[in-house]
C-alpha atoms as a PDB file:
ATOM      1  CA  UNK A   1      -0.060   0.013   0.011  1.00  0.00           C
ATOM      2  CA  UNK A   2       1.213   3.500  -0.275  1.00  0.00           C
ATOM      3  CA  UNK A   3       1.553   5.896   3.007  1.00  0.00           C
ATOM      4  CA  UNK A   4       0.488   9.150   2.245  1.00  0.00           C
ATOM      5  CA  UNK A   5       3.664  11.763   3.002  1.00  0.00           C
ATOM      6  CA  UNK A   6       3.770  15.614   3.933  1.00  0.00           C
ATOM      7  CA  UNK A   7       6.949  17.080   2.565  1.00  0.00           C
ATOM      8  CA  UNK A   8       8.368  17.364   5.948  1.00  0.00           C
ATOM      9  CA  UNK A   9       8.101  13.409   5.899  1.00  0.00           C
ATOM     10  CA  UNK A  10       9.240  12.844   2.791  1.00  0.00           C
ATOM     11  CA  UNK A  11      12.548  14.640   3.824  1.00  0.00           C
ATOM     12  CA  UNK A  12      12.674  12.505   6.722  1.00  0.00           C
ATOM     13  CA  UNK A  13      12.681   9.517   3.996  1.00  0.00           C
ATOM     14  CA  UNK A  14      15.157  10.784   2.315  1.00  0.00           C
ATOM     15  CA  UNK A  15      17.707  11.386   4.656  1.00  0.00           C
ATOM     16  CA  UNK A  16      16.747   8.506   6.171  1.00  0.00           C
ATOM     17  CA  UNK A  17      17.353   6.654   3.166  1.00  0.00           C
ATOM     18  CA  UNK A  18      20.394   8.440   2.019  1.00  0.00           C
ATOM     19  CA  UNK A  19      22.192   7.550   5.020  1.00  0.00           C
ATOM     20  CA  UNK A  20      20.977   3.852   5.243  1.00  0.00           C
ATOM     21  CA  UNK A  21      22.374   3.124   1.594  1.00  0.00           C
ATOM     22  CA  UNK A  22      18.826   3.191  -0.076  1.00  0.00           C
ATOM     23  CA  UNK A  23      16.816   1.381   2.169  1.00  0.00           C
ATOM     24  CA  UNK A  24      15.941  -2.456   2.520  1.00  0.00           C
ATOM     25  CA  UNK A  25      17.784  -4.889   0.957  1.00  0.00           C
ATOM     26  CA  UNK A  26      14.779  -6.690  -0.317  1.00  0.00           C
ATOM     27  CA  UNK A  27      13.484  -3.604  -2.402  1.00  0.00           C
ATOM     28  CA  UNK A  28      13.505  -0.817  -3.976  1.00  0.00           C
ATOM     29  CA  UNK A  29      10.304   1.326  -4.482  1.00  0.00           C
ATOM     30  CA  UNK A  30      10.439   3.410  -7.826  1.00  0.00           C
ATOM     31  CA  UNK A  31       7.029   5.654  -9.522  1.00  0.00           C
ATOM     32  CA  UNK A  32       7.266   4.446 -13.378  1.00  0.00           C
ATOM     33  CA  UNK A  33       4.918   6.287 -15.846  1.00  0.00           C
ATOM     34  CA  UNK A  34       2.502   4.753 -17.994  1.00  0.00           C
ATOM     35  CA  UNK A  35       3.381   6.259 -21.461  1.00  0.00           C
ATOM     36  CA  UNK A  36       0.110   5.630 -22.457  1.00  0.00           C
ATOM     37  CA  UNK A  37      -2.051   7.557 -20.231  1.00  0.00           C
ATOM     38  CA  UNK A  38       0.732  10.592 -19.106  1.00  0.00           C
ATOM     39  CA  UNK A  39      -0.654  13.942 -20.740  1.00  0.00           C
ATOM     40  CA  UNK A  40       1.658  16.363 -19.638  1.00  0.00           C
ATOM     41  CA  UNK A  41      -0.300  19.264 -22.001  1.00  0.00           C
ATOM     42  CA  UNK A  42      -3.348  18.492 -19.820  1.00  0.00           C
ATOM     43  CA  UNK A  43      -2.738  19.059 -16.489  1.00  0.00           C
ATOM     44  CA  UNK A  44      -0.640  21.406 -14.985  1.00  0.00           C
ATOM     45  CA  UNK A  45       2.360  18.442 -14.409  1.00  0.00           C
ATOM     46  CA  UNK A  46       0.448  18.011 -10.552  1.00  0.00           C
ATOM     47  CA  UNK A  47       3.456  14.899 -10.559  1.00  0.00           C
ATOM     48  CA  UNK A  48       6.640  17.331 -11.056  1.00  0.00           C
ATOM     49  CA  UNK A  49       5.026  19.816  -8.824  1.00  0.00           C
ATOM     50  CA  UNK A  50       4.619  17.844  -5.722  1.00  0.00           C
ATOM     51  CA  UNK A  51       7.217  15.671  -5.633  1.00  0.00           C
ATOM     52  CA  UNK A  52       9.187  16.301  -2.774  1.00  0.00           C
ATOM     53  CA  UNK A  53      12.621  15.677  -4.199  1.00  0.00           C
ATOM     54  CA  UNK A  54      11.714  18.070  -6.708  1.00  0.00           C
ATOM     55  CA  UNK A  55      10.945  20.956  -3.935  1.00  0.00           C
ATOM     56  CA  UNK A  56      14.419  19.642  -2.763  1.00  0.00           C
ATOM     57  CA  UNK A  57      15.618  21.278  -6.146  1.00  0.00           C
ATOM     58  CA  UNK A  58      16.388  17.671  -7.989  1.00  0.00           C
ATOM     59  CA  UNK A  59      15.090  16.689 -11.292  1.00  0.00           C
ATOM     60  CA  UNK A  60      13.293  13.645 -10.194  1.00  0.00           C
ATOM     61  CA  UNK A  61      10.326  13.794 -12.099  1.00  0.00           C
ATOM     62  CA  UNK A  62      11.020  15.718 -15.602  1.00  0.00           C
ATOM     63  CA  UNK A  63       8.809  16.553 -19.149  1.00  0.00           C
ATOM     64  CA  UNK A  64      11.191  16.528 -21.598  1.00  0.00           C
ATOM     65  CA  UNK A  65      10.031  18.597 -24.676  1.00  0.00           C
ATOM     66  CA  UNK A  66      11.040  15.721 -27.380  1.00  0.00           C
ATOM     67  CA  UNK A  67       8.399  12.621 -26.101  1.00  0.00           C
ATOM     68  CA  UNK A  68       6.358  15.738 -24.399  1.00  0.00           C
ATOM     69  CA  UNK A  69       5.828  12.871 -21.234  1.00  0.00           C
ATOM     70  CA  UNK A  70       6.989  12.509 -17.994  1.00  0.00           C
ATOM     71  CA  UNK A  71      10.227  10.866 -17.021  1.00  0.00           C
ATOM     72  CA  UNK A  72      10.914   9.967 -13.306  1.00  0.00           C
ATOM     73  CA  UNK A  73      14.589   9.375 -12.263  1.00  0.00           C
ATOM     74  CA  UNK A  74      14.684   6.182 -10.795  1.00  0.00           C
ATOM     75  CA  UNK A  75      18.143   6.986  -8.812  1.00  0.00           C
ATOM     76  CA  UNK A  76      16.651  10.121  -7.668  1.00  0.00           C
ATOM     77  CA  UNK A  77      12.666   8.567  -6.693  1.00  0.00           C
ATOM     78  CA  UNK A  78      12.389   7.285  -3.452  1.00  0.00           C
ATOM     79  CA  UNK A  79       9.224   5.469  -3.702  1.00  0.00           C
ATOM     80  CA  UNK A  80       6.802   7.776  -2.123  1.00  0.00           C
ATOM     81  CA  UNK A  81       3.645   7.151  -3.853  1.00  0.00           C
ATOM     82  CA  UNK A  82       2.423  11.373  -3.831  1.00  0.00           C
ATOM     83  CA  UNK A  83       3.512  11.052  -7.662  1.00  0.00           C
ATOM     84  CA  UNK A  84       0.603   8.493  -8.260  1.00  0.00           C
ATOM     85  CA  UNK A  85      -2.177  10.444  -5.994  1.00  0.00           C
ATOM     86  CA  UNK A  86      -1.562  13.884  -7.693  1.00  0.00           C
ATOM     87  CA  UNK A  87      -1.751  12.449 -11.305  1.00  0.00           C
ATOM     88  CA  UNK A  88      -5.259  13.348 -12.559  1.00  0.00           C
ATOM     89  CA  UNK A  89      -4.858  10.822 -15.587  1.00  0.00           C
ATOM     90  CA  UNK A  90      -3.496   7.908 -13.273  1.00  0.00           C
ATOM     91  CA  UNK A  91      -0.405   7.537 -15.018  1.00  0.00           C
ATOM     92  CA  UNK A  92       2.138   6.228 -12.552  1.00  0.00           C
ATOM     93  CA  UNK A  93       2.085   3.454 -10.502  1.00  0.00           C
ATOM     94  CA  UNK A  94       4.748   2.409  -7.453  1.00  0.00           C
ATOM     95  CA  UNK A  95       6.741  -0.740  -8.463  1.00  0.00           C
ATOM     96  CA  UNK A  96       8.796  -2.981  -6.028  1.00  0.00           C
ATOM     97  CA  UNK A  97      12.210  -3.453  -7.523  1.00  0.00           C
ATOM     98  CA  UNK A  98      14.781  -6.204  -5.657  1.00  0.00           C
ATOM     99  CA  UNK A  99      17.430  -3.855  -4.440  1.00  0.00           C
ATOM    100  CA  UNK A 100      20.416  -6.032  -5.933  1.00  0.00           C
ATOM    101  CA  UNK A 101      18.551  -5.899  -9.595  1.00  0.00           C
ATOM    102  CA  UNK A 102      21.623  -7.701 -10.838  1.00  0.00           C
ATOM    103  CA  UNK A 103      21.109 -10.381  -9.171  1.00  0.00           C
ATOM    104  CA  UNK A 104      17.599 -11.345 -10.008  1.00  0.00           C
ATOM    105  CA  UNK A 105      17.682 -10.516 -13.512  1.00  0.00           C
ATOM    106  CA  UNK A 106      18.321 -13.767 -16.046  1.00  0.00           C
END
């Protein structure tokens, strides 16, 4: 389930995850964009405006002029789920990835 975060608690989560090397040993939560649902020209890019990582000055969510779609950085995303709740087109979801992805691929 996706927990609700305030900007302050999300900032604490970022600091905690950075200090511990990225969170738990089992899985990494990241947000992904469904390209067929993302319509940044029809919204006010609420995902980007509400992202606590973006608010701290890092480009976690960008809307690229070439593709005209939102792009979420796997390296910067903390998996807080705020963008999922803010997207009016339900184009963003949270997935769990193994922390050591190289060991889990075939």
